[in-house]
Amino acid sequence: NIHKNIGRSFHGTYSSSSLQANVLEFLDCHHHFYDTLNNGFSTFLNRFFPNESYLPYEYYNDVVEPIEESEVLGKRIRGGGGMIRHIGSVHVELMPDDGL
């Protein structure tokens, strides 16, 4: 379930009492989702990638989970033993036909 995976990254893993000074919050300021096989919103993109998709669950698996679970990144935060918490992201529409 896409929403279950994404929800897990924002809820349930952290509570306000568990947030400490060694937690670095991360906001991804630009990413794209697309599904050219099931959506006709971008004929330009569909010409080059007719059967491609990159959906929220893939973003979670590729970006959120590895960042939050990385021991290497955690060791670099404020003297080690820290963690990174993904707090959100900004989805940017990828070449829609209507230009909006």
C-alpha atoms as a PDB file:
ATOM      1  CA  ASN A   1       0.000   0.000   0.000  1.00  0.00           C
ATOM      2  CA  ILE A   2       1.582   3.269  -1.146  1.00  0.00           C
ATOM      3  CA  HIS A   3      -0.013   5.428   1.533  1.00  0.00           C
ATOM      4  CA  LYS A   4       0.923   3.001   4.299  1.00  0.00           C
ATOM      5  CA  ASN A   5       4.604   3.099   3.302  1.00  0.00           C
ATOM      6  CA  ILE A   6       4.707   6.880   3.027  1.00  0.00           C
ATOM      7  CA  GLY A   7       2.732   7.294   6.241  1.00  0.00           C
ATOM      8  CA  ARG A   8       5.259   5.159   8.062  1.00  0.00           C
ATOM      9  CA  SER A   9       7.989   7.633   7.197  1.00  0.00           C
ATOM     10  CA  PHE A  10       6.085  10.588   8.659  1.00  0.00           C
ATOM     11  CA  HIS A  11       4.254   8.947  11.562  1.00  0.00           C
ATOM     12  CA  GLY A  12       4.773   6.135  13.991  1.00  0.00           C
ATOM     13  CA  THR A  13       8.556   6.057  13.928  1.00  0.00           C
ATOM     14  CA  TYR A  14       9.148   9.189  15.970  1.00  0.00           C
ATOM     15  CA  SER A  15       7.391  10.843  18.857  1.00  0.00           C
ATOM     16  CA  SER A  16       7.949  14.312  20.223  1.00  0.00           C
ATOM     17  CA  SER A  17       9.658  12.840  23.283  1.00  0.00           C
ATOM     18  CA  SER A  18      12.116  10.916  21.103  1.00  0.00           C
ATOM     19  CA  LEU A  19      13.295  13.951  19.133  1.00  0.00           C
ATOM     20  CA  GLN A  20      16.643  15.076  20.498  1.00  0.00           C
ATOM     21  CA  ALA A  21      19.364  17.536  19.593  1.00  0.00           C
ATOM     22  CA  ASN A  22      21.120  14.881  17.499  1.00  0.00           C
ATOM     23  CA  VAL A  23      18.215  14.546  15.035  1.00  0.00           C
ATOM     24  CA  LEU A  24      18.662  16.299  11.710  1.00  0.00           C
ATOM     25  CA  GLU A  25      15.398  16.979   9.897  1.00  0.00           C
ATOM     26  CA  PHE A  26      15.548  16.592   6.117  1.00  0.00           C
ATOM     27  CA  LEU A  27      13.141  18.178   3.611  1.00  0.00           C
ATOM     28  CA  ASP A  28      13.593  17.032   0.007  1.00  0.00           C
ATOM     29  CA  CYS A  29      12.976  20.216  -1.968  1.00  0.00           C
ATOM     30  CA  HIS A  30      12.402  18.710  -5.440  1.00  0.00           C
ATOM     31  CA  HIS A  31      11.403  15.344  -6.843  1.00  0.00           C
ATOM     32  CA  HIS A  32       9.129  13.919  -9.555  1.00  0.00           C
ATOM     33  CA  PHE A  33       6.500  11.183  -9.719  1.00  0.00           C
ATOM     34  CA  TYR A  34       5.278   9.930 -13.064  1.00  0.00           C
ATOM     35  CA  ASP A  35       3.376   7.066 -14.614  1.00  0.00           C
ATOM     36  CA  THR A  36       3.320   7.303 -18.402  1.00  0.00           C
ATOM     37  CA  LEU A  37       1.647   3.921 -18.819  1.00  0.00           C
ATOM     38  CA  ASN A  38      -1.472   4.846 -16.822  1.00  0.00           C
ATOM     39  CA  ASN A  39      -1.677   8.627 -17.207  1.00  0.00           C
ATOM     40  CA  GLY A  40      -1.969  10.764 -20.311  1.00  0.00           C
ATOM     41  CA  PHE A  41      -0.962  14.025 -18.635  1.00  0.00           C
ATOM     42  CA  SER A  42       2.310  14.383 -20.514  1.00  0.00           C
ATOM     43  CA  THR A  43       2.457  13.385 -24.147  1.00  0.00           C
ATOM     44  CA  PHE A  44       5.997  14.791 -24.399  1.00  0.00           C
ATOM     45  CA  LEU A  45       7.309  12.555 -21.616  1.00  0.00           C
ATOM     46  CA  ASN A  46       5.315   9.609 -22.914  1.00  0.00           C
ATOM     47  CA  ARG A  47       7.084   9.844 -26.300  1.00  0.00           C
ATOM     48  CA  PHE A  48      10.470   9.193 -24.673  1.00  0.00           C
ATOM     49  CA  PHE A  49       9.387   6.959 -21.761  1.00  0.00           C
ATOM     50  CA  PRO A  50       6.168   5.214 -22.851  1.00  0.00           C
ATOM     51  CA  ASN A  51       6.024   2.571 -20.121  1.00  0.00           C
ATOM     52  CA  GLU A  52       7.821   4.160 -17.202  1.00  0.00           C
ATOM     53  CA  SER A  53       6.752   5.061 -13.704  1.00  0.00           C
ATOM     54  CA  TYR A  54       8.220   6.377 -10.489  1.00  0.00           C
ATOM     55  CA  LEU A  55       5.661   6.377  -7.710  1.00  0.00           C
ATOM     56  CA  PRO A  56       5.550   7.360  -4.019  1.00  0.00           C
ATOM     57  CA  TYR A  57       6.358   3.876  -2.715  1.00  0.00           C
ATOM     58  CA  GLU A  58       9.491   3.829  -4.896  1.00  0.00           C
ATOM     59  CA  TYR A  59      10.531   7.236  -3.550  1.00  0.00           C
ATOM     60  CA  TYR A  60      10.091   5.927  -0.025  1.00  0.00           C
ATOM     61  CA  ASN A  61      12.203   2.837  -0.774  1.00  0.00           C
ATOM     62  CA  ASP A  62      14.885   4.757  -2.721  1.00  0.00           C
ATOM     63  CA  VAL A  63      15.182   7.926  -0.622  1.00  0.00           C
ATOM     64  CA  VAL A  64      13.384   8.037   2.716  1.00  0.00           C
ATOM     65  CA  GLU A  65      14.194   4.610   4.093  1.00  0.00           C
ATOM     66  CA  PRO A  66      17.916   4.585   3.178  1.00  0.00           C
ATOM     67  CA  ILE A  67      18.453   8.079   4.598  1.00  0.00           C
ATOM     68  CA  GLU A  68      16.648   7.366   7.861  1.00  0.00           C
ATOM     69  CA  GLU A  69      18.398   4.016   8.317  1.00  0.00           C
ATOM     70  CA  SER A  70      21.906   5.120   7.346  1.00  0.00           C
ATOM     71  CA  GLU A  71      24.379   4.597  10.164  1.00  0.00           C
ATOM     72  CA  VAL A  72      27.085   6.397   8.177  1.00  0.00           C
ATOM     73  CA  LEU A  73      25.010   9.581   7.910  1.00  0.00           C
ATOM     74  CA  GLY A  74      23.952   9.281  11.546  1.00  0.00           C
ATOM     75  CA  LYS A  75      27.574   9.189  12.681  1.00  0.00           C
ATOM     76  CA  ARG A  76      28.220  12.499  10.913  1.00  0.00           C
ATOM     77  CA  ILE A  77      25.527  14.332  12.864  1.00  0.00           C
ATOM     78  CA  ARG A  78      26.708  16.309  15.875  1.00  0.00           C
ATOM     79  CA  GLY A  79      29.464  14.037  17.057  1.00  0.00           C
ATOM     80  CA  GLY A  80      27.956  10.710  16.102  1.00  0.00           C
ATOM     81  CA  GLY A  81      24.984   8.738  17.251  1.00  0.00           C
ATOM     82  CA  GLY A  82      22.580  11.028  15.421  1.00  0.00           C
ATOM     83  CA  MET A  83      19.829  10.302  12.999  1.00  0.00           C
ATOM     84  CA  ILE A  84      18.150  11.911  10.016  1.00  0.00           C
ATOM     85  CA  ARG A  85      14.384  12.280   9.947  1.00  0.00           C
ATOM     86  CA  HIS A  86      12.686  12.824   6.582  1.00  0.00           C
ATOM     87  CA  ILE A  87       9.979  15.405   7.308  1.00  0.00           C
ATOM     88  CA  GLY A  88       8.589  15.933   3.823  1.00  0.00           C
ATOM     89  CA  SER A  89       9.151  16.582   0.169  1.00  0.00           C
ATOM     90  CA  VAL A  90       8.014  18.821  -2.672  1.00  0.00           C
ATOM     91  CA  HIS A  91       6.606  17.053  -5.710  1.00  0.00           C
ATOM     92  CA  VAL A  92       7.179  18.967  -8.966  1.00  0.00           C
ATOM     93  CA  GLU A  93       4.949  18.103 -11.932  1.00  0.00           C
ATOM     94  CA  LEU A  94       6.981  16.739 -14.818  1.00  0.00           C
ATOM     95  CA  MET A  95       6.102  18.452 -18.136  1.00  0.00           C
ATOM     96  CA  PRO A  96       2.280  18.445 -18.102  1.00  0.00           C
ATOM     97  CA  ASP A  97       0.531  19.128 -21.419  1.00  0.00           C
ATOM     98  CA  ASP A  98      -1.425  22.078 -20.048  1.00  0.00           C
ATOM     99  CA  GLY A  99       1.673  23.856 -18.723  1.00  0.00           C
ATOM    100  CA  LEU A 100       0.239  24.170 -15.202  1.00  0.00           C
END
